Structure formats: C-alpha cells, structure tokens
Amino acid sequence: MIPLPRNSQQLDEELVSRVQRGDKAAFDFLVIKYQHKIIQLVNCYVKDPSEAQDVAQEAFIKAYRALGDFRGEAAFYTWLYRIAINTAKNYLMLRARRHSDYQLDIQEVEALGNAPQLQGLETPEQLLLNEEIMTTLNKAIEALPEEMLVAFKLREFEGLSYEEIAVAMDCPIGTIRSRLFRAREAIDKQLTPLLE
C-alpha cells in the first residue's frame, strides 16, 4: 500500500475519529476532500453524470453509516474507494436486470488517448474506419472479464497506481499487473487488424 502524504493521512485519521465521536460536520470535510475522485471513479462505471453523482452520494452514505466499524487497517481513501466500487457494481447489476445494453461513452474511449490513426480523418472511408475502431474498442473493453475490466478502468480512466488498484481491489499487486497485461493484450488483439 502506498501511504498518502503524512499530513493528508493524519487529517483523514483525525476527521474519521471526530466522526466516530459524533461530529457529523467532520464527515462533510471528508466528502469535500474526496467527492471529485469518487465521482470520477463512479463515472468509469456509470455513464450518465447525474446517475453517477447519485451513486457517488450513495457510496458516501454507505461510508458514513459504516464509519463506526472503520478500524484504520487500510487508509481511509482506499476503504472509501472499495465502497464506491462496490456501490457502482451493485448499481450496474441492478440496472443490467432492467437494461441489457450497457456501452462505453465516447468520452471514455477518448480518455484512452487519441490514437494518431483517429485524428484528422475527413474522408468518408476514414470516418467509417474511425467509427469501426471506436465500436471495436468499446466491444473489446466491455468484453473483458469483470476483474480485468475494473482494474483496466481504475488504471486507464482513474489513473490509479498498481499499488492503489491492488489495495482497492483487495488482491496482490502481481495479480493486478497480470490482469492489466491480459486486458491490454485482449484489446490490442481486437484493434490490430483495423490499425494495420
């Protein structure tokens, strides 16, 4: 686990302690500190921004209710990330029961890095190829097994380090490296024929 800068971690510990002693306002500071990161994380899963905010808010509510049981065995932000990931997964499972067509938002695909092959394309053939590449990329990412998909999104969309992903997903760092390697390999396999 990568420790946060000492003052940030100490601040979290103090705020958590205050919340556990009944100071509700201290939790507001934790929300303010982490709301942007949690919303970004949830956005990796939930495509509608207003729904993502609702899911993030639900994650904070769950964290607040569970804070009495928080023992500090992991950093607060890691514990909060786990809650947010689980809340987003639960939301998607419930939504999948109602809707079966979950697709990546085009903005997320662009977040992977605009490949030179996708820039400045103006002819109809090139635009069609661009659309085919985007569709193939979406399908390749969504076809990843869930654990690879989560690791991939945390790394590529959220920018977490391997160590942070390992803590958030509660598994060894070697497993994270393997999942990311296999995820990239699977995506490359789908895209290579289109990019050659």
C-alpha atoms as a PDB file:
ATOM      1  CA  MET A   1       0.000   0.000   0.000  1.00  0.00           C
ATOM      2  CA  ILE A   2       1.307   3.449  -0.915  1.00  0.00           C
ATOM      3  CA  PRO A   3       0.859   5.794   2.033  1.00  0.00           C
ATOM      4  CA  LEU A   4      -0.654   9.182   1.468  1.00  0.00           C
ATOM      5  CA  PRO A   5       1.445  12.189   2.355  1.00  0.00           C
ATOM      6  CA  ARG A   6       1.711  12.149   6.141  1.00  0.00           C
ATOM      7  CA  ASN A   7      -0.337  15.300   6.714  1.00  0.00           C
ATOM      8  CA  SER A   8      -3.182  14.109   4.455  1.00  0.00           C
ATOM      9  CA  GLN A   9      -3.377  10.720   6.142  1.00  0.00           C
ATOM     10  CA  GLN A  10      -3.214  12.317   9.583  1.00  0.00           C
ATOM     11  CA  LEU A  11      -6.016  14.687   8.584  1.00  0.00           C
ATOM     12  CA  ASP A  12      -8.147  11.740   7.436  1.00  0.00           C
ATOM     13  CA  GLU A  13      -7.465   9.887  10.685  1.00  0.00           C
ATOM     14  CA  GLU A  14      -8.414  12.934  12.745  1.00  0.00           C
ATOM     15  CA  LEU A  15     -11.599  13.547  10.755  1.00  0.00           C
ATOM     16  CA  VAL A  16     -12.607   9.869  10.961  1.00  0.00           C
ATOM     17  CA  SER A  17     -12.001   9.906  14.699  1.00  0.00           C
ATOM     18  CA  ARG A  18     -14.158  13.022  15.071  1.00  0.00           C
ATOM     19  CA  VAL A  19     -16.978  11.441  13.029  1.00  0.00           C
ATOM     20  CA  GLN A  20     -16.785   8.312  15.159  1.00  0.00           C
ATOM     21  CA  ARG A  21     -17.174  10.528  18.240  1.00  0.00           C
ATOM     22  CA  GLY A  22     -20.355  12.039  16.772  1.00  0.00           C
ATOM     23  CA  ASP A  23     -19.064  15.106  14.886  1.00  0.00           C
ATOM     24  CA  LYS A  24     -21.161  14.959  11.700  1.00  0.00           C
ATOM     25  CA  ALA A  25     -19.548  18.110  10.298  1.00  0.00           C
ATOM     26  CA  ALA A  26     -16.186  16.313  10.155  1.00  0.00           C
ATOM     27  CA  PHE A  27     -17.657  13.925   7.585  1.00  0.00           C
ATOM     28  CA  ASP A  28     -18.539  16.921   5.394  1.00  0.00           C
ATOM     29  CA  PHE A  29     -14.818  17.687   5.158  1.00  0.00           C
ATOM     30  CA  LEU A  30     -14.104  14.114   4.063  1.00  0.00           C
ATOM     31  CA  VAL A  31     -16.824  14.375   1.418  1.00  0.00           C
ATOM     32  CA  ILE A  32     -15.408  17.663   0.133  1.00  0.00           C
ATOM     33  CA  LYS A  33     -11.899  16.203   0.056  1.00  0.00           C
ATOM     34  CA  TYR A  34     -12.833  13.046  -1.880  1.00  0.00           C
ATOM     35  CA  GLN A  35     -16.035  13.803  -3.778  1.00  0.00           C
ATOM     36  CA  HIS A  36     -14.302  14.644  -7.070  1.00  0.00           C
ATOM     37  CA  LYS A  37     -12.224  11.442  -7.050  1.00  0.00           C
ATOM     38  CA  ILE A  38     -15.198   9.279  -6.080  1.00  0.00           C
ATOM     39  CA  ILE A  39     -17.387  10.797  -8.794  1.00  0.00           C
ATOM     40  CA  GLN A  40     -14.605  10.201 -11.347  1.00  0.00           C
ATOM     41  CA  LEU A  41     -14.287   6.595 -10.187  1.00  0.00           C
ATOM     42  CA  VAL A  42     -18.045   6.018 -10.376  1.00  0.00           C
ATOM     43  CA  ASN A  43     -18.078   7.643 -13.832  1.00  0.00           C
ATOM     44  CA  CYS A  44     -15.929   4.733 -15.025  1.00  0.00           C
ATOM     45  CA  TYR A  45     -18.944   2.528 -14.442  1.00  0.00           C
ATOM     46  CA  VAL A  46     -21.997   4.773 -14.673  1.00  0.00           C
ATOM     47  CA  LYS A  47     -22.262   6.737 -17.882  1.00  0.00           C
ATOM     48  CA  ASP A  48     -24.967   9.252 -17.012  1.00  0.00           C
ATOM     49  CA  PRO A  49     -23.376  12.106 -14.993  1.00  0.00           C
ATOM     50  CA  SER A  50     -26.451  12.702 -12.835  1.00  0.00           C
ATOM     51  CA  GLU A  51     -26.753   8.975 -12.086  1.00  0.00           C
ATOM     52  CA  ALA A  52     -23.024   8.823 -11.339  1.00  0.00           C
ATOM     53  CA  GLN A  53     -23.468  11.617  -8.806  1.00  0.00           C
ATOM     54  CA  ASP A  54     -26.359   9.719  -7.220  1.00  0.00           C
ATOM     55  CA  VAL A  55     -24.256   6.554  -6.994  1.00  0.00           C
ATOM     56  CA  ALA A  56     -21.334   8.528  -5.534  1.00  0.00           C
ATOM     57  CA  GLN A  57     -23.674  10.079  -2.980  1.00  0.00           C
ATOM     58  CA  GLU A  58     -24.959   6.608  -2.098  1.00  0.00           C
ATOM     59  CA  ALA A  59     -21.352   5.467  -1.618  1.00  0.00           C
ATOM     60  CA  PHE A  60     -20.729   8.346   0.801  1.00  0.00           C
ATOM     61  CA  ILE A  61     -23.924   7.497   2.703  1.00  0.00           C
ATOM     62  CA  LYS A  62     -22.799   3.869   2.996  1.00  0.00           C
ATOM     63  CA  ALA A  63     -19.366   5.020   4.155  1.00  0.00           C
ATOM     64  CA  TYR A  64     -20.903   7.312   6.760  1.00  0.00           C
ATOM     65  CA  ARG A  65     -23.083   4.509   8.108  1.00  0.00           C
ATOM     66  CA  ALA A  66     -20.148   2.073   8.214  1.00  0.00           C
ATOM     67  CA  LEU A  67     -17.611   4.532   9.625  1.00  0.00           C
ATOM     68  CA  GLY A  68     -18.264   3.320  13.163  1.00  0.00           C
ATOM     69  CA  ASP A  69     -16.759  -0.032  12.137  1.00  0.00           C
ATOM     70  CA  PHE A  70     -13.756   1.516  10.344  1.00  0.00           C
ATOM     71  CA  ARG A  71     -10.612   0.441  12.213  1.00  0.00           C
ATOM     72  CA  GLY A  72      -7.947   2.098  10.086  1.00  0.00           C
ATOM     73  CA  GLU A  73      -6.439  -1.162   8.830  1.00  0.00           C
ATOM     74  CA  ALA A  74      -6.309   0.490   5.388  1.00  0.00           C
ATOM     75  CA  ALA A  75      -6.115   4.156   4.508  1.00  0.00           C
ATOM     76  CA  PHE A  76      -9.485   5.892   4.604  1.00  0.00           C
ATOM     77  CA  TYR A  77      -9.388   6.750   0.882  1.00  0.00           C
ATOM     78  CA  THR A  78      -8.744   3.089  -0.010  1.00  0.00           C
ATOM     79  CA  TRP A  79     -11.638   1.968   2.175  1.00  0.00           C
ATOM     80  CA  LEU A  80     -13.842   4.633   0.556  1.00  0.00           C
ATOM     81  CA  TYR A  81     -12.752   3.518  -2.960  1.00  0.00           C
ATOM     82  CA  ARG A  82     -13.790  -0.046  -2.165  1.00  0.00           C
ATOM     83  CA  ILE A  83     -17.205   1.150  -1.044  1.00  0.00           C
ATOM     84  CA  ALA A  84     -17.574   3.273  -4.204  1.00  0.00           C
ATOM     85  CA  ILE A  85     -16.545   0.384  -6.482  1.00  0.00           C
ATOM     86  CA  ASN A  86     -18.970  -1.983  -4.782  1.00  0.00           C
ATOM     87  CA  THR A  87     -21.777   0.589  -4.898  1.00  0.00           C
ATOM     88  CA  ALA A  88     -21.172   1.164  -8.617  1.00  0.00           C
ATOM     89  CA  LYS A  89     -21.082  -2.589  -9.286  1.00  0.00           C
ATOM     90  CA  ASN A  90     -24.329  -3.073  -7.398  1.00  0.00           C
ATOM     91  CA  TYR A  91     -25.929  -0.233  -9.337  1.00  0.00           C
ATOM     92  CA  LEU A  92     -24.838  -1.773 -12.649  1.00  0.00           C
ATOM     93  CA  MET A  93     -26.102  -5.211 -11.663  1.00  0.00           C
ATOM     94  CA  LEU A  94     -29.491  -3.760 -10.781  1.00  0.00           C
ATOM     95  CA  ARG A  95     -29.556  -1.703 -13.955  1.00  0.00           C
ATOM     96  CA  ALA A  96     -28.468  -4.675 -16.077  1.00  0.00           C
ATOM     97  CA  ARG A  97     -31.535  -6.520 -14.899  1.00  0.00           C
ATOM     98  CA  ARG A  98     -33.631  -3.692 -16.348  1.00  0.00           C
ATOM     99  CA  HIS A  99     -31.457  -2.799 -19.364  1.00  0.00           C
ATOM    100  CA  SER A 100     -29.181  -5.092 -21.298  1.00  0.00           C
ATOM    101  CA  ASP A 101     -27.397  -2.548 -23.495  1.00  0.00           C
ATOM    102  CA  TYR A 102     -24.577  -1.039 -21.406  1.00  0.00           C
ATOM    103  CA  GLN A 103     -21.958   0.658 -23.588  1.00  0.00           C
ATOM    104  CA  LEU A 104     -18.974   2.890 -23.003  1.00  0.00           C
ATOM    105  CA  ASP A 105     -19.456   6.594 -23.508  1.00  0.00           C
ATOM    106  CA  ILE A 106     -17.434   8.043 -26.375  1.00  0.00           C
ATOM    107  CA  GLN A 107     -15.701  10.403 -23.914  1.00  0.00           C
ATOM    108  CA  GLU A 108     -14.274   7.402 -22.068  1.00  0.00           C
ATOM    109  CA  VAL A 109     -12.900   5.986 -25.288  1.00  0.00           C
ATOM    110  CA  GLU A 110     -11.243   9.326 -25.979  1.00  0.00           C
ATOM    111  CA  ALA A 111      -9.776   9.207 -22.469  1.00  0.00           C
ATOM    112  CA  LEU A 112      -7.752   6.168 -23.552  1.00  0.00           C
ATOM    113  CA  GLY A 113      -5.668   8.551 -25.592  1.00  0.00           C
ATOM    114  CA  ASN A 114      -6.454   9.751 -29.043  1.00  0.00           C
ATOM    115  CA  ALA A 115      -4.517   7.448 -31.318  1.00  0.00           C
ATOM    116  CA  PRO A 116      -2.910   9.238 -34.265  1.00  0.00           C
ATOM    117  CA  GLN A 117      -4.921   6.983 -36.560  1.00  0.00           C
ATOM    118  CA  LEU A 118      -8.119   8.535 -35.157  1.00  0.00           C
ATOM    119  CA  GLN A 119      -7.163  12.177 -35.589  1.00  0.00           C
ATOM    120  CA  GLY A 120      -7.829  14.397 -38.577  1.00  0.00           C
ATOM    121  CA  LEU A 121      -9.818  11.856 -40.530  1.00  0.00           C
ATOM    122  CA  GLU A 122     -12.083  13.526 -43.039  1.00  0.00           C
ATOM    123  CA  THR A 123     -12.861  11.208 -45.928  1.00  0.00           C
ATOM    124  CA  PRO A 124     -15.998   9.059 -45.683  1.00  0.00           C
ATOM    125  CA  GLU A 125     -13.862   5.911 -45.714  1.00  0.00           C
ATOM    126  CA  GLN A 126     -11.669   7.233 -42.931  1.00  0.00           C
ATOM    127  CA  LEU A 127     -14.683   8.349 -40.900  1.00  0.00           C
ATOM    128  CA  LEU A 128     -16.201   4.889 -41.310  1.00  0.00           C
ATOM    129  CA  LEU A 129     -12.927   3.285 -40.182  1.00  0.00           C
ATOM    130  CA  ASN A 130     -12.822   5.671 -37.221  1.00  0.00           C
ATOM    131  CA  GLU A 131     -16.342   4.624 -36.219  1.00  0.00           C
ATOM    132  CA  GLU A 132     -15.441   0.949 -36.650  1.00  0.00           C
ATOM    133  CA  ILE A 133     -12.353   1.383 -34.456  1.00  0.00           C
ATOM    134  CA  MET A 134     -14.386   3.102 -31.733  1.00  0.00           C
ATOM    135  CA  THR A 135     -17.058   0.399 -31.853  1.00  0.00           C
ATOM    136  CA  THR A 136     -14.430  -2.354 -31.745  1.00  0.00           C
ATOM    137  CA  LEU A 137     -12.678  -0.640 -28.840  1.00  0.00           C
ATOM    138  CA  ASN A 138     -15.956  -0.363 -26.901  1.00  0.00           C
ATOM    139  CA  LYS A 139     -16.750  -4.015 -27.510  1.00  0.00           C
ATOM    140  CA  ALA A 140     -13.223  -5.145 -26.622  1.00  0.00           C
ATOM    141  CA  ILE A 141     -13.264  -3.252 -23.324  1.00  0.00           C
ATOM    142  CA  GLU A 142     -16.760  -4.376 -22.375  1.00  0.00           C
ATOM    143  CA  ALA A 143     -15.919  -7.999 -23.277  1.00  0.00           C
ATOM    144  CA  LEU A 144     -13.183  -8.077 -20.627  1.00  0.00           C
ATOM    145  CA  PRO A 145     -13.957 -10.243 -17.611  1.00  0.00           C
ATOM    146  CA  GLU A 146     -15.181  -8.111 -14.698  1.00  0.00           C
ATOM    147  CA  GLU A 147     -11.981  -8.177 -12.623  1.00  0.00           C
ATOM    148  CA  MET A 148      -9.863  -7.202 -15.652  1.00  0.00           C
ATOM    149  CA  LEU A 149     -12.383  -4.513 -16.604  1.00  0.00           C
ATOM    150  CA  VAL A 150     -12.312  -2.953 -13.127  1.00  0.00           C
ATOM    151  CA  ALA A 151      -8.504  -2.972 -12.990  1.00  0.00           C
ATOM    152  CA  PHE A 152      -8.317  -1.526 -16.517  1.00  0.00           C
ATOM    153  CA  LYS A 153     -10.758   1.296 -15.761  1.00  0.00           C
ATOM    154  CA  LEU A 154      -9.055   2.163 -12.464  1.00  0.00           C
ATOM    155  CA  ARG A 155      -5.685   2.379 -14.239  1.00  0.00           C
ATOM    156  CA  GLU A 156      -6.646   3.968 -17.561  1.00  0.00           C
ATOM    157  CA  PHE A 157      -9.595   6.176 -16.597  1.00  0.00           C
ATOM    158  CA  GLU A 158      -8.945   6.927 -12.920  1.00  0.00           C
ATOM    159  CA  GLY A 159      -5.135   6.964 -13.128  1.00  0.00           C
ATOM    160  CA  LEU A 160      -4.545   4.857 -10.009  1.00  0.00           C
ATOM    161  CA  SER A 161      -1.155   3.236  -9.500  1.00  0.00           C
ATOM    162  CA  TYR A 162      -0.804  -0.543  -9.488  1.00  0.00           C
ATOM    163  CA  GLU A 163      -0.393  -0.439  -5.713  1.00  0.00           C
ATOM    164  CA  GLU A 164      -3.555   1.630  -5.240  1.00  0.00           C
ATOM    165  CA  ILE A 165      -5.526  -0.698  -7.503  1.00  0.00           C
ATOM    166  CA  ALA A 166      -4.260  -3.725  -5.570  1.00  0.00           C
ATOM    167  CA  VAL A 167      -5.450  -2.187  -2.314  1.00  0.00           C
ATOM    168  CA  ALA A 168      -8.782  -1.032  -3.763  1.00  0.00           C
ATOM    169  CA  MET A 169      -9.462  -4.468  -5.275  1.00  0.00           C
ATOM    170  CA  ASP A 170      -8.042  -6.325  -2.277  1.00  0.00           C
ATOM    171  CA  CYS A 171      -5.629  -8.544  -4.200  1.00  0.00           C
ATOM    172  CA  PRO A 172      -1.855  -8.863  -4.730  1.00  0.00           C
ATOM    173  CA  ILE A 173      -0.088  -6.369  -6.991  1.00  0.00           C
ATOM    174  CA  GLY A 174       1.129  -9.241  -9.209  1.00  0.00           C
ATOM    175  CA  THR A 175      -2.490 -10.133  -9.890  1.00  0.00           C
ATOM    176  CA  ILE A 176      -3.194  -6.532 -10.910  1.00  0.00           C
ATOM    177  CA  ARG A 177      -0.184  -6.497 -13.254  1.00  0.00           C
ATOM    178  CA  SER A 178      -1.382  -9.739 -14.822  1.00  0.00           C
ATOM    179  CA  ARG A 179      -4.969  -8.504 -15.221  1.00  0.00           C
ATOM    180  CA  LEU A 180      -3.821  -5.249 -16.849  1.00  0.00           C
ATOM    181  CA  PHE A 181      -1.428  -7.070 -19.181  1.00  0.00           C
ATOM    182  CA  ARG A 182      -4.137  -9.511 -20.284  1.00  0.00           C
ATOM    183  CA  ALA A 183      -6.700  -6.701 -20.665  1.00  0.00           C
ATOM    184  CA  ARG A 184      -4.376  -4.665 -22.903  1.00  0.00           C
ATOM    185  CA  GLU A 185      -3.443  -7.773 -24.862  1.00  0.00           C
ATOM    186  CA  ALA A 186      -7.129  -8.611 -25.472  1.00  0.00           C
ATOM    187  CA  ILE A 187      -7.893  -5.045 -26.592  1.00  0.00           C
ATOM    188  CA  ASP A 188      -4.808  -4.907 -28.848  1.00  0.00           C
ATOM    189  CA  LYS A 189      -5.806  -8.208 -30.446  1.00  0.00           C
ATOM    190  CA  GLN A 190      -9.166  -6.715 -31.464  1.00  0.00           C
ATOM    191  CA  LEU A 191      -7.740  -3.381 -32.668  1.00  0.00           C
ATOM    192  CA  THR A 192      -4.595  -4.513 -34.513  1.00  0.00           C
ATOM    193  CA  PRO A 193      -6.366  -5.695 -37.704  1.00  0.00           C
ATOM    194  CA  LEU A 194      -8.098  -2.307 -38.027  1.00  0.00           C
ATOM    195  CA  LEU A 195      -4.964  -0.244 -37.403  1.00  0.00           C
ATOM    196  CA  GLU A 196      -2.676  -2.075 -39.824  1.00  0.00           C
END
